[in-house]
């Protein structure tokens, strides 16, 4: 079982990972502009801009969403929920 699968199995609320080092640790995806949403049950979505799209699509077990270069700004419009 991968790190990402193990995390998805234990989170009780959606978890947004925005620090690139942590995204790389969980997925192996190396990017300076990305975010990863891990939802309870293991559904995961990787957000990145056009420069990293091809590499992101090669990551197994994640859905990929292309965003503008300002990934965090785009997430403010794409995602809903509370901030903790």
Protein backbone atom coordinates (compact mmCIF):
# COMPACT_ATOMS: atom_id res chain seq x y z
CA UNK A 1 0.00 0.00 0.00
CA UNK A 2 1.42 3.41 -0.98
CA UNK A 3 1.85 6.38 1.34
CA UNK A 4 -0.99 8.11 -0.43
CA UNK A 5 -3.31 5.13 -0.04
CA UNK A 6 -2.47 4.84 3.66
CA UNK A 7 -3.18 8.54 4.18
CA UNK A 8 -6.48 8.33 2.31
CA UNK A 9 -7.54 5.43 4.50
CA UNK A 10 -7.12 7.38 7.75
CA UNK A 11 -8.16 10.98 7.01
CA UNK A 12 -11.58 11.85 8.35
CA UNK A 13 -11.86 15.19 6.55
CA UNK A 14 -10.42 16.39 3.24
CA UNK A 15 -6.75 17.30 3.53
CA UNK A 16 -5.16 19.85 1.21
CA UNK A 17 -1.38 19.48 0.86
CA UNK A 18 0.24 22.57 -0.65
CA UNK A 19 3.89 22.20 0.33
CA UNK A 20 5.75 20.69 -2.64
CA UNK A 21 8.04 18.52 -0.51
CA UNK A 22 5.02 16.86 1.10
CA UNK A 23 3.31 16.36 -2.27
CA UNK A 24 6.49 14.71 -3.55
CA UNK A 25 6.71 12.50 -0.43
CA UNK A 26 3.13 11.28 -0.94
CA UNK A 27 3.07 10.91 -4.72
CA UNK A 28 6.59 11.06 -6.13
CA UNK A 29 5.49 14.08 -8.19
CA UNK A 30 8.18 16.78 -8.17
CA UNK A 31 6.86 20.26 -8.89
CA UNK A 32 7.32 23.76 -7.59
CA UNK A 33 3.68 24.58 -8.33
CA UNK A 34 1.15 22.02 -7.17
CA UNK A 35 -1.35 20.99 -4.53
CA UNK A 36 -2.84 17.66 -3.56
CA UNK A 37 -6.32 17.09 -2.16
CA UNK A 38 -6.74 13.83 -0.23
CA UNK A 39 -10.30 12.94 0.65
CA UNK A 40 -11.62 10.34 3.08
CA UNK A 41 -11.72 6.98 1.37
CA UNK A 42 -8.70 7.72 -0.77
CA UNK A 43 -9.99 9.91 -3.60
CA UNK A 44 -7.08 12.20 -4.50
CA UNK A 45 -6.75 15.13 -6.87
CA UNK A 46 -3.49 16.69 -7.98
CA UNK A 47 -3.66 20.34 -9.08
CA UNK A 48 -0.92 21.86 -11.23
CA UNK A 49 -0.33 24.22 -14.12
CA UNK A 50 0.40 23.44 -17.77
CA UNK A 51 4.16 23.17 -17.24
CA UNK A 52 3.81 20.06 -15.10
CA UNK A 53 0.65 18.57 -16.58
CA UNK A 54 2.28 15.69 -18.45
CA UNK A 55 4.30 14.61 -15.42
CA UNK A 56 1.23 14.89 -13.19
CA UNK A 57 -0.79 12.66 -15.51
CA UNK A 58 1.85 9.95 -15.07
CA UNK A 59 1.21 9.75 -11.31
CA UNK A 60 -0.83 6.65 -10.52
CA UNK A 61 -3.92 6.84 -8.37
CA UNK A 62 -4.68 10.56 -8.69
CA UNK A 63 -7.04 12.67 -10.75
CA UNK A 64 -5.28 15.65 -12.33
CA UNK A 65 -6.74 19.13 -12.71
CA UNK A 66 -4.97 21.77 -14.78
CA UNK A 67 -4.97 25.17 -13.13
CA UNK A 68 -3.60 28.58 -14.02
CA UNK A 69 -0.04 29.27 -12.83
CA UNK A 70 -1.41 30.59 -9.54
CA UNK A 71 -2.45 27.17 -8.23
CA UNK A 72 -3.32 28.38 -4.72
CA UNK A 73 -5.40 31.22 -6.11
CA UNK A 74 -7.24 28.81 -8.39
CA UNK A 75 -7.95 26.50 -5.46
CA UNK A 76 -9.74 29.33 -3.69
CA UNK A 77 -12.28 29.24 -6.50
CA UNK A 78 -12.33 25.47 -7.08
CA UNK A 79 -12.65 24.21 -3.52
CA UNK A 80 -15.12 24.85 -0.74
CA UNK A 81 -14.94 24.02 2.94
CA UNK A 82 -13.40 25.31 6.08
CA UNK A 83 -9.87 26.26 6.90
CA UNK A 84 -8.21 24.98 10.07
